[in-house]
Amino acid sequence: MAEWAFTITRQVKPYFTNQGSQSPYVIARGRQGATGKLTISPAIDESSILYLLANTQPQIQIAASNGLAGSNLVSAQADIALAAYESADLADGDELFGYDVGWTAVHTGATFNTVTMTGATGMAGCIKVTLQNAIASY
């Protein structure tokens, strides 16, 4: 995989309350969605095209790390339980070719990495992002 990108969206709406505090509202978390693109170049195998043609919804795991250990480790990992491939455009270069594969995360309502994903039928989502570094909290 040469490049990857993903976008996480969530509907957010503040609900104002009548509780007399300094924070007179609560922010409710709404529907979540995730979309992305994988650039597979050069195309060593044709599995991405076969996933698209067969409407297979594979799991996608994207991991990036600096390769260090202990408190020096910086890593990011995105786990998408089911990804519906939407397109696989040919990315032809000078010598080799590959594919730009667009996907949308599919909400399953199933248990994923010990977290039960719940929500309205047809709701997009089901993505988990894990960041690791020496900062205790954000």
N, C-alpha and C. Protein backbone atom coordinates (compact mmCIF):
# COMPACT_ATOMS: atom_id res chain seq x y z
N MET A 1 0.84 -1.16 0.00
CA MET A 1 0.00 0.00 0.00
C MET A 1 0.89 1.23 0.00
N ALA A 2 0.70 2.10 -0.95
CA ALA A 2 1.54 3.29 -1.07
C ALA A 2 1.04 4.43 -0.18
N GLU A 3 -0.26 4.67 -0.16
CA GLU A 3 -0.83 5.75 0.64
C GLU A 3 -2.18 5.31 1.19
N TRP A 4 -2.60 5.97 2.27
CA TRP A 4 -3.92 5.73 2.81
C TRP A 4 -4.44 7.03 3.42
N ALA A 5 -5.73 7.15 3.46
CA ALA A 5 -6.36 8.31 4.08
C ALA A 5 -7.74 7.90 4.56
N PHE A 6 -8.19 8.47 5.66
CA PHE A 6 -9.56 8.24 6.10
C PHE A 6 -10.08 9.48 6.80
N THR A 7 -11.39 9.63 6.77
CA THR A 7 -12.08 10.75 7.39
C THR A 7 -13.17 10.20 8.30
N ILE A 8 -13.19 10.68 9.53
CA ILE A 8 -14.21 10.28 10.49
C ILE A 8 -15.14 11.47 10.69
N THR A 9 -16.43 11.23 10.57
CA THR A 9 -17.42 12.27 10.78
C THR A 9 -18.39 11.83 11.88
N ARG A 10 -18.94 12.81 12.57
CA ARG A 10 -19.94 12.51 13.60
C ARG A 10 -20.89 13.69 13.68
N GLN A 11 -22.18 13.40 13.73
CA GLN A 11 -23.16 14.45 13.93
C GLN A 11 -23.14 14.86 15.40
N VAL A 12 -23.07 16.16 15.64
CA VAL A 12 -23.02 16.67 17.01
C VAL A 12 -24.08 17.75 17.16
N LYS A 13 -24.84 17.69 18.25
CA LYS A 13 -25.84 18.71 18.50
C LYS A 13 -25.85 19.05 19.99
N PRO A 14 -25.68 20.33 20.34
CA PRO A 14 -25.76 20.70 21.75
C PRO A 14 -27.22 20.79 22.19
N TYR A 15 -27.52 20.21 23.33
CA TYR A 15 -28.85 20.30 23.93
C TYR A 15 -28.74 21.17 25.17
N PHE A 16 -29.44 22.28 25.17
CA PHE A 16 -29.40 23.19 26.30
C PHE A 16 -30.29 22.67 27.42
N THR A 17 -29.78 22.76 28.62
CA THR A 17 -30.49 22.26 29.80
C THR A 17 -30.82 23.43 30.71
N ASN A 18 -31.62 23.18 31.70
CA ASN A 18 -32.03 24.22 32.64
C ASN A 18 -31.55 23.82 34.02
N GLN A 19 -30.21 23.63 34.15
CA GLN A 19 -29.68 23.13 35.41
C GLN A 19 -28.92 24.18 36.20
N GLY A 20 -28.74 25.40 35.66
CA GLY A 20 -28.11 26.48 36.41
C GLY A 20 -26.61 26.30 36.63
N SER A 21 -25.91 25.62 35.76
CA SER A 21 -24.47 25.43 35.93
C SER A 21 -23.71 26.27 34.91
N GLN A 22 -22.39 26.28 35.02
CA GLN A 22 -21.57 27.03 34.09
C GLN A 22 -21.57 26.40 32.69
N SER A 23 -21.89 25.14 32.62
CA SER A 23 -22.00 24.44 31.34
C SER A 23 -23.48 24.13 31.12
N PRO A 24 -24.23 25.07 30.57
CA PRO A 24 -25.68 24.89 30.48
C PRO A 24 -26.15 24.01 29.33
N TYR A 25 -25.29 23.16 28.81
CA TYR A 25 -25.70 22.28 27.73
C TYR A 25 -24.89 21.00 27.78
N VAL A 26 -25.39 20.00 27.11
CA VAL A 26 -24.68 18.74 26.95
C VAL A 26 -24.53 18.50 25.45
N ILE A 27 -23.40 17.99 25.03
CA ILE A 27 -23.18 17.72 23.62
C ILE A 27 -23.44 16.23 23.39
N ALA A 28 -24.51 15.97 22.65
CA ALA A 28 -24.89 14.59 22.37
C ALA A 28 -24.14 14.08 21.14
N ARG A 29 -23.62 12.85 21.24
CA ARG A 29 -22.94 12.25 20.10
C ARG A 29 -23.96 11.56 19.22
N GLY A 30 -23.93 11.89 17.95
CA GLY A 30 -24.88 11.31 17.01
C GLY A 30 -24.24 10.28 16.11
N ARG A 31 -24.79 10.15 14.94
CA ARG A 31 -24.32 9.15 13.98
C ARG A 31 -22.87 9.39 13.60
N GLN A 32 -22.15 8.32 13.46
CA GLN A 32 -20.73 8.37 13.10
C GLN A 32 -20.57 7.78 11.70
N GLY A 33 -19.64 8.32 10.95
CA GLY A 33 -19.33 7.78 9.64
C GLY A 33 -17.83 7.79 9.40
N ALA A 34 -17.40 6.96 8.53
CA ALA A 34 -15.98 6.90 8.18
C ALA A 34 -15.86 6.54 6.70
N THR A 35 -15.04 7.29 6.00
CA THR A 35 -14.74 7.01 4.60
C THR A 35 -13.24 7.09 4.41
N GLY A 36 -12.75 6.54 3.32
CA GLY A 36 -11.31 6.60 3.09
C GLY A 36 -10.91 6.16 1.71
N LYS A 37 -9.61 6.17 1.51
CA LYS A 37 -9.05 5.75 0.23
C LYS A 37 -7.72 5.05 0.47
N LEU A 38 -7.53 3.96 -0.23
CA LEU A 38 -6.27 3.23 -0.21
C LEU A 38 -5.64 3.35 -1.59
N THR A 39 -4.38 3.73 -1.66
CA THR A 39 -3.66 3.75 -2.92
C THR A 39 -2.73 2.55 -2.93
N ILE A 40 -3.04 1.61 -3.78
CA ILE A 40 -2.27 0.37 -3.87
C ILE A 40 -1.44 0.47 -5.14
N SER A 41 -0.15 0.71 -4.95
CA SER A 41 0.71 0.92 -6.11
C SER A 41 2.13 0.48 -5.77
N PRO A 42 2.72 -0.39 -6.54
CA PRO A 42 2.19 -1.06 -7.72
C PRO A 42 1.22 -2.16 -7.31
N ALA A 43 0.38 -2.55 -8.24
CA ALA A 43 -0.62 -3.59 -7.98
C ALA A 43 0.04 -4.95 -8.06
N ILE A 44 0.51 -5.45 -6.93
CA ILE A 44 1.19 -6.75 -6.89
C ILE A 44 0.19 -7.88 -7.03
N ASP A 45 -0.98 -7.71 -6.44
CA ASP A 45 -2.06 -8.69 -6.63
C ASP A 45 -3.35 -7.93 -6.94
N GLU A 46 -4.39 -8.67 -7.25
CA GLU A 46 -5.64 -8.06 -7.65
C GLU A 46 -6.72 -8.24 -6.59
N SER A 47 -6.34 -8.43 -5.33
CA SER A 47 -7.34 -8.69 -4.29
C SER A 47 -8.28 -7.51 -4.10
N SER A 48 -7.80 -6.27 -4.24
CA SER A 48 -8.69 -5.12 -4.07
C SER A 48 -9.76 -5.08 -5.14
N ILE A 49 -9.42 -5.43 -6.36
CA ILE A 49 -10.41 -5.48 -7.44
C ILE A 49 -11.39 -6.61 -7.20
N LEU A 50 -10.91 -7.75 -6.74
CA LEU A 50 -11.79 -8.88 -6.47
C LEU A 50 -12.75 -8.56 -5.32
N TYR A 51 -12.28 -7.86 -4.28
CA TYR A 51 -13.16 -7.43 -3.19
C TYR A 51 -14.27 -6.53 -3.73
N LEU A 52 -13.91 -5.61 -4.63
CA LEU A 52 -14.89 -4.70 -5.21
C LEU A 52 -15.91 -5.46 -6.06
N LEU A 53 -15.44 -6.32 -6.96
CA LEU A 53 -16.33 -7.01 -7.88
C LEU A 53 -17.25 -8.01 -7.17
N ALA A 54 -16.75 -8.65 -6.12
CA ALA A 54 -17.55 -9.63 -5.40
C ALA A 54 -18.36 -9.01 -4.27
N ASN A 55 -18.25 -7.69 -4.08
CA ASN A 55 -18.90 -6.98 -2.98
C ASN A 55 -18.54 -7.57 -1.63
N THR A 56 -17.31 -8.03 -1.51
CA THR A 56 -16.79 -8.49 -0.24
C THR A 56 -16.51 -7.26 0.60
N GLN A 57 -16.85 -7.30 1.86
CA GLN A 57 -16.62 -6.15 2.74
C GLN A 57 -15.55 -6.55 3.75
N PRO A 58 -14.28 -6.34 3.39
CA PRO A 58 -13.18 -6.83 4.22
C PRO A 58 -12.94 -5.93 5.43
N GLN A 59 -12.19 -6.47 6.38
CA GLN A 59 -11.69 -5.66 7.49
C GLN A 59 -10.46 -4.92 6.99
N ILE A 60 -10.34 -3.66 7.38
CA ILE A 60 -9.15 -2.88 7.04
C ILE A 60 -8.47 -2.48 8.33
N GLN A 61 -7.18 -2.69 8.40
CA GLN A 61 -6.39 -2.25 9.54
C GLN A 61 -5.22 -1.43 9.01
N ILE A 62 -5.14 -0.19 9.47
CA ILE A 62 -4.06 0.71 9.07
C ILE A 62 -3.23 0.97 10.31
N ALA A 63 -1.93 0.70 10.24
CA ALA A 63 -1.04 0.89 11.38
C ALA A 63 0.19 1.66 10.95
N ALA A 64 0.56 2.65 11.77
CA ALA A 64 1.77 3.43 11.53
C ALA A 64 2.51 3.58 12.85
N SER A 65 3.82 3.44 12.81
CA SER A 65 4.62 3.48 14.03
C SER A 65 6.01 4.02 13.72
N ASN A 66 6.64 4.61 14.75
CA ASN A 66 8.02 5.05 14.56
C ASN A 66 9.01 3.92 14.82
N GLY A 67 8.54 2.75 15.27
CA GLY A 67 9.38 1.58 15.45
C GLY A 67 10.18 1.55 16.74
N LEU A 68 10.01 2.52 17.61
CA LEU A 68 10.73 2.55 18.87
C LEU A 68 9.95 1.80 19.94
N ALA A 69 10.51 1.72 21.13
CA ALA A 69 9.87 0.97 22.21
C ALA A 69 9.71 1.85 23.45
N GLY A 70 8.88 1.37 24.38
CA GLY A 70 8.69 2.05 25.65
C GLY A 70 8.07 3.42 25.50
N SER A 71 8.60 4.39 26.27
CA SER A 71 8.03 5.75 26.24
C SER A 71 8.38 6.49 24.95
N ASN A 72 9.26 5.94 24.13
CA ASN A 72 9.60 6.57 22.85
C ASN A 72 8.68 6.16 21.71
N LEU A 73 7.82 5.15 21.97
CA LEU A 73 6.93 4.66 20.93
C LEU A 73 5.85 5.68 20.61
N VAL A 74 5.68 5.95 19.33
CA VAL A 74 4.57 6.75 18.83
C VAL A 74 3.91 5.92 17.74
N SER A 75 2.62 5.62 17.92
CA SER A 75 1.94 4.80 16.93
C SER A 75 0.48 5.22 16.80
N ALA A 76 -0.07 4.92 15.66
CA ALA A 76 -1.49 5.15 15.38
C ALA A 76 -2.01 3.93 14.64
N GLN A 77 -3.20 3.50 15.02
CA GLN A 77 -3.80 2.34 14.36
C GLN A 77 -5.28 2.59 14.18
N ALA A 78 -5.79 2.32 13.00
CA ALA A 78 -7.22 2.42 12.70
C ALA A 78 -7.72 1.04 12.31
N ASP A 79 -8.79 0.60 12.97
CA ASP A 79 -9.41 -0.68 12.68
C ASP A 79 -10.82 -0.44 12.17
N ILE A 80 -11.09 -0.89 10.98
CA ILE A 80 -12.41 -0.79 10.38
C ILE A 80 -12.92 -2.22 10.22
N ALA A 81 -13.99 -2.56 10.94
CA ALA A 81 -14.46 -3.94 10.94
C ALA A 81 -14.95 -4.37 9.56
N LEU A 82 -15.74 -3.54 8.91
CA LEU A 82 -16.24 -3.85 7.57
C LEU A 82 -16.10 -2.60 6.72
N ALA A 83 -15.53 -2.74 5.53
CA ALA A 83 -15.37 -1.61 4.63
C ALA A 83 -15.95 -1.98 3.27
N ALA A 84 -16.94 -1.23 2.85
CA ALA A 84 -17.54 -1.46 1.54
C ALA A 84 -16.74 -0.70 0.50
N TYR A 85 -16.10 -1.42 -0.39
CA TYR A 85 -15.33 -0.78 -1.45
C TYR A 85 -16.30 -0.16 -2.45
N GLU A 86 -16.11 1.11 -2.75
CA GLU A 86 -17.01 1.83 -3.64
C GLU A 86 -16.48 1.93 -5.05
N SER A 87 -15.18 2.04 -5.19
CA SER A 87 -14.57 2.17 -6.52
C SER A 87 -13.13 1.68 -6.44
N ALA A 88 -12.57 1.38 -7.58
CA ALA A 88 -11.17 1.00 -7.67
C ALA A 88 -10.66 1.55 -8.99
N ASP A 89 -10.33 2.83 -8.98
CA ASP A 89 -9.87 3.50 -10.18
C ASP A 89 -8.42 3.12 -10.48
N LEU A 90 -8.13 2.95 -11.74
CA LEU A 90 -6.78 2.64 -12.17
C LEU A 90 -5.88 3.86 -11.99
N ALA A 91 -4.77 3.67 -11.29
CA ALA A 91 -3.80 4.74 -11.10
C ALA A 91 -2.55 4.34 -11.88
N ASP A 92 -2.49 4.77 -13.14
CA ASP A 92 -1.36 4.37 -13.97
C ASP A 92 -0.24 5.38 -13.85
N GLY A 93 0.93 4.87 -13.53
CA GLY A 93 2.11 5.71 -13.39
C GLY A 93 2.97 5.62 -14.62
N ASP A 94 4.22 6.03 -14.49
CA ASP A 94 5.13 6.00 -15.62
C ASP A 94 5.48 4.56 -16.03
N GLU A 95 5.84 3.75 -15.04
CA GLU A 95 6.24 2.38 -15.35
C GLU A 95 5.23 1.34 -14.85
N LEU A 96 4.66 1.58 -13.68
CA LEU A 96 3.78 0.59 -13.04
C LEU A 96 2.39 1.16 -12.86
N PHE A 97 1.43 0.32 -12.56
CA PHE A 97 0.08 0.79 -12.31
C PHE A 97 -0.39 0.24 -10.97
N GLY A 98 -1.40 0.90 -10.44
CA GLY A 98 -2.00 0.48 -9.19
C GLY A 98 -3.47 0.86 -9.19
N TYR A 99 -4.06 0.92 -8.00
CA TYR A 99 -5.47 1.23 -7.86
C TYR A 99 -5.68 2.23 -6.73
N ASP A 100 -6.61 3.15 -6.93
CA ASP A 100 -7.10 4.03 -5.87
C ASP A 100 -8.46 3.47 -5.45
N VAL A 101 -8.50 2.89 -4.27
CA VAL A 101 -9.69 2.19 -3.81
C VAL A 101 -10.40 3.03 -2.75
N GLY A 102 -11.59 3.50 -3.07
CA GLY A 102 -12.40 4.25 -2.10
C GLY A 102 -13.29 3.31 -1.31
N TRP A 103 -13.49 3.60 -0.02
CA TRP A 103 -14.31 2.74 0.82
C TRP A 103 -15.13 3.55 1.81
N THR A 104 -16.18 2.93 2.32
CA THR A 104 -17.02 3.48 3.38
C THR A 104 -17.16 2.42 4.45
N ALA A 105 -16.98 2.82 5.72
CA ALA A 105 -17.15 1.88 6.83
C ALA A 105 -18.63 1.53 6.95
N VAL A 106 -18.89 0.26 7.23
CA VAL A 106 -20.26 -0.24 7.35
C VAL A 106 -20.55 -0.51 8.81
N HIS A 107 -21.66 0.02 9.29
CA HIS A 107 -22.07 -0.23 10.67
C HIS A 107 -22.67 -1.62 10.76
N THR A 108 -22.23 -2.40 11.75
CA THR A 108 -22.69 -3.78 11.84
C THR A 108 -23.61 -4.04 13.02
N GLY A 109 -23.50 -3.23 14.06
CA GLY A 109 -24.26 -3.51 15.27
C GLY A 109 -23.73 -4.72 16.00
N ALA A 110 -22.52 -5.15 15.66
CA ALA A 110 -21.92 -6.35 16.25
C ALA A 110 -20.81 -5.97 17.22
N THR A 111 -20.29 -6.95 17.92
CA THR A 111 -19.18 -6.72 18.83
C THR A 111 -17.89 -6.69 18.03
N PHE A 112 -17.07 -5.64 18.27
CA PHE A 112 -15.83 -5.44 17.54
C PHE A 112 -14.76 -5.02 18.52
N ASN A 113 -13.75 -5.85 18.69
CA ASN A 113 -12.67 -5.59 19.64
C ASN A 113 -13.22 -5.30 21.04
N THR A 114 -14.12 -6.14 21.51
CA THR A 114 -14.78 -6.09 22.81
C THR A 114 -15.67 -4.87 23.01
N VAL A 115 -15.96 -4.10 21.96
CA VAL A 115 -16.87 -2.96 22.05
C VAL A 115 -18.09 -3.27 21.20
N THR A 116 -19.28 -3.21 21.80
CA THR A 116 -20.50 -3.46 21.04
C THR A 116 -20.91 -2.18 20.36
N MET A 117 -20.97 -2.21 19.04
CA MET A 117 -21.35 -1.05 18.25
C MET A 117 -22.87 -1.05 18.14
N THR A 118 -23.51 0.03 18.57
CA THR A 118 -24.96 0.09 18.50
C THR A 118 -25.38 1.34 17.74
N GLY A 119 -26.61 1.38 17.30
CA GLY A 119 -27.10 2.56 16.60
C GLY A 119 -28.22 2.21 15.67
N ALA A 120 -28.66 3.21 14.94
CA ALA A 120 -29.78 3.03 14.03
C ALA A 120 -29.38 2.12 12.87
N THR A 121 -30.35 1.43 12.33
CA THR A 121 -30.11 0.56 11.18
C THR A 121 -29.60 1.38 10.01
N GLY A 122 -28.57 0.90 9.36
CA GLY A 122 -28.01 1.61 8.22
C GLY A 122 -27.05 2.72 8.61
N MET A 123 -26.77 2.87 9.90
CA MET A 123 -25.89 3.94 10.34
C MET A 123 -24.45 3.55 10.06
N ALA A 124 -23.70 4.45 9.44
CA ALA A 124 -22.30 4.17 9.14
C ALA A 124 -21.47 4.27 10.42
N GLY A 125 -20.35 3.66 10.44
CA GLY A 125 -19.47 3.74 11.59
C GLY A 125 -18.58 2.54 11.68
N CYS A 126 -18.41 2.07 12.91
CA CYS A 126 -17.63 0.87 13.19
C CYS A 126 -16.16 1.07 12.84
N ILE A 127 -15.58 2.14 13.39
CA ILE A 127 -14.15 2.38 13.25
C ILE A 127 -13.59 2.64 14.64
N LYS A 128 -12.41 2.14 14.88
CA LYS A 128 -11.73 2.35 16.15
C LYS A 128 -10.33 2.85 15.85
N VAL A 129 -9.95 3.98 16.45
CA VAL A 129 -8.63 4.55 16.26
C VAL A 129 -7.90 4.53 17.60
N THR A 130 -6.68 3.98 17.61
CA THR A 130 -5.88 3.89 18.82
C THR A 130 -4.58 4.67 18.61
N LEU A 131 -4.33 5.65 19.48
CA LEU A 131 -3.10 6.43 19.45
C LEU A 131 -2.27 6.06 20.67
N GLN A 132 -0.97 5.94 20.49
CA GLN A 132 -0.09 5.63 21.61
C GLN A 132 1.13 6.52 21.54
N ASN A 133 1.40 7.20 22.67
CA ASN A 133 2.62 8.01 22.79
C ASN A 133 2.90 8.27 24.27
N ALA A 134 3.82 9.12 24.60
CA ALA A 134 4.22 9.35 25.98
C ALA A 134 3.32 10.37 26.69
N ILE A 135 2.35 10.96 26.02
CA ILE A 135 1.44 11.92 26.63
C ILE A 135 0.35 11.14 27.34
N ALA A 136 0.16 11.43 28.63
CA ALA A 136 -0.79 10.67 29.43
C ALA A 136 -2.24 10.88 29.01
N SER A 137 -2.61 12.10 28.68
CA SER A 137 -3.99 12.37 28.27
C SER A 137 -4.02 13.56 27.33
N TYR A 138 -5.11 13.68 26.61
CA TYR A 138 -5.26 14.77 25.65
C TYR A 138 -6.27 15.77 26.16
